[in-house]
Amino acid sequence: MLLLILTAGFALLAIAVAALLKSKDPQRRRSSVGAKIRLAKILAMALVGWLYVMFNLKRNIAQIDGTETAPGFWERSVRYLQSLF
């Protein structure tokens, strides 16, 4: 299961990087600073989404096993960040 999550995260990262590096009009390219900021935003959203899925899967597995615990600091933080997006 962890391998599946890691593979999906890597694929999402590769797609995001490929989309940013591919320019439709070479004369109308973004500045390098603007491209880096856009890339950072996309990667941050992908990371938050990936962590959200990971924590939800972890919580669901814990519920099935009957070993559910209170959410930790990182889980609460990711849920808050996910609500902002």
Protein backbone atom coordinates (compact mmCIF):
# COMPACT_ATOMS: atom_id res chain seq x y z
CA MET A 1 0.00 0.00 0.00
CA LEU A 2 2.83 2.36 0.86
CA LEU A 3 4.49 1.60 -2.46
CA LEU A 4 1.28 2.51 -4.28
CA ILE A 5 1.07 5.85 -2.46
CA LEU A 6 4.73 6.65 -3.15
CA THR A 7 4.34 5.75 -6.82
CA ALA A 8 1.24 7.93 -7.17
CA GLY A 9 3.04 10.84 -5.48
CA PHE A 10 6.04 10.47 -7.77
CA ALA A 11 3.82 10.31 -10.86
CA LEU A 12 1.98 13.46 -9.80
CA LEU A 13 5.30 15.22 -9.25
CA ALA A 14 6.60 14.14 -12.65
CA ILE A 15 3.44 15.36 -14.39
CA ALA A 16 3.61 18.72 -12.62
CA VAL A 17 7.26 19.25 -13.52
CA ALA A 18 6.70 18.21 -17.15
CA ALA A 19 3.75 20.59 -17.47
CA LEU A 20 5.78 23.49 -16.10
CA LEU A 21 8.79 22.86 -18.27
CA LYS A 22 6.78 22.55 -21.47
CA SER A 23 6.06 25.92 -23.00
CA LYS A 24 3.44 26.32 -25.74
CA ASP A 25 4.87 29.61 -27.00
CA PRO A 26 8.65 29.97 -26.62
CA GLN A 27 8.50 33.75 -27.09
CA ARG A 28 6.08 34.14 -24.20
CA ARG A 29 8.03 32.40 -21.48
CA ARG A 30 7.66 33.25 -17.81
CA SER A 31 10.51 34.74 -15.90
CA SER A 32 12.56 32.21 -14.03
CA VAL A 33 11.37 33.61 -10.69
CA GLY A 34 7.73 33.39 -11.73
CA ALA A 35 8.18 29.84 -12.96
CA LYS A 36 9.89 28.82 -9.72
CA ILE A 37 7.09 30.33 -7.63
CA ARG A 38 4.45 28.55 -9.72
CA LEU A 39 6.35 25.27 -9.43
CA ALA A 40 6.64 25.71 -5.66
CA LYS A 41 2.87 26.31 -5.38
CA ILE A 42 2.04 23.24 -7.45
CA LEU A 43 4.44 21.07 -5.48
CA ALA A 44 3.09 22.36 -2.16
CA MET A 45 -0.49 21.58 -3.22
CA ALA A 46 0.56 18.13 -4.44
CA LEU A 47 2.35 17.46 -1.15
CA VAL A 48 -0.64 18.51 0.93
CA GLY A 49 -2.95 16.40 -1.20
CA TRP A 50 -0.65 13.39 -0.96
CA LEU A 51 -0.33 13.74 2.82
CA TYR A 52 -4.12 14.10 3.12
CA VAL A 53 -4.67 10.85 1.24
CA MET A 54 -1.96 9.10 3.27
CA PHE A 55 -3.42 10.18 6.62
CA ASN A 56 -6.96 9.21 5.53
CA LEU A 57 -5.78 5.75 4.50
CA LYS A 58 -3.90 5.38 7.78
CA ARG A 59 -6.98 6.41 9.76
CA ASN A 60 -9.24 4.04 7.79
CA ILE A 61 -6.88 1.13 8.37
CA ALA A 62 -6.75 1.95 12.08
CA GLN A 63 -10.57 2.03 12.23
CA ILE A 64 -10.78 -1.36 10.55
CA ASP A 65 -8.20 -2.82 12.94
CA GLY A 66 -9.90 -1.23 15.95
CA THR A 67 -6.77 0.65 17.03
CA GLU A 68 -7.94 4.18 16.31
CA THR A 69 -6.16 6.96 18.21
CA ALA A 70 -6.60 10.71 18.39
CA PRO A 71 -5.18 12.62 15.40
CA GLY A 72 -1.65 13.88 15.88
CA PHE A 73 -0.19 17.31 15.21
CA TRP A 74 0.80 16.60 11.60
CA GLU A 75 -2.56 15.05 10.76
CA ARG A 76 -4.43 18.06 12.15
CA SER A 77 -2.07 20.42 10.30
CA VAL A 78 -2.58 18.66 6.97
CA ARG A 79 -6.35 18.66 7.42
CA TYR A 80 -6.24 22.41 8.10
CA LEU A 81 -4.09 23.06 5.03
CA GLN A 82 -6.38 20.89 2.92
CA SER A 83 -9.36 22.99 4.02
CA LEU A 84 -7.57 26.10 2.70
CA PHE A 85 -7.23 24.64 -0.78
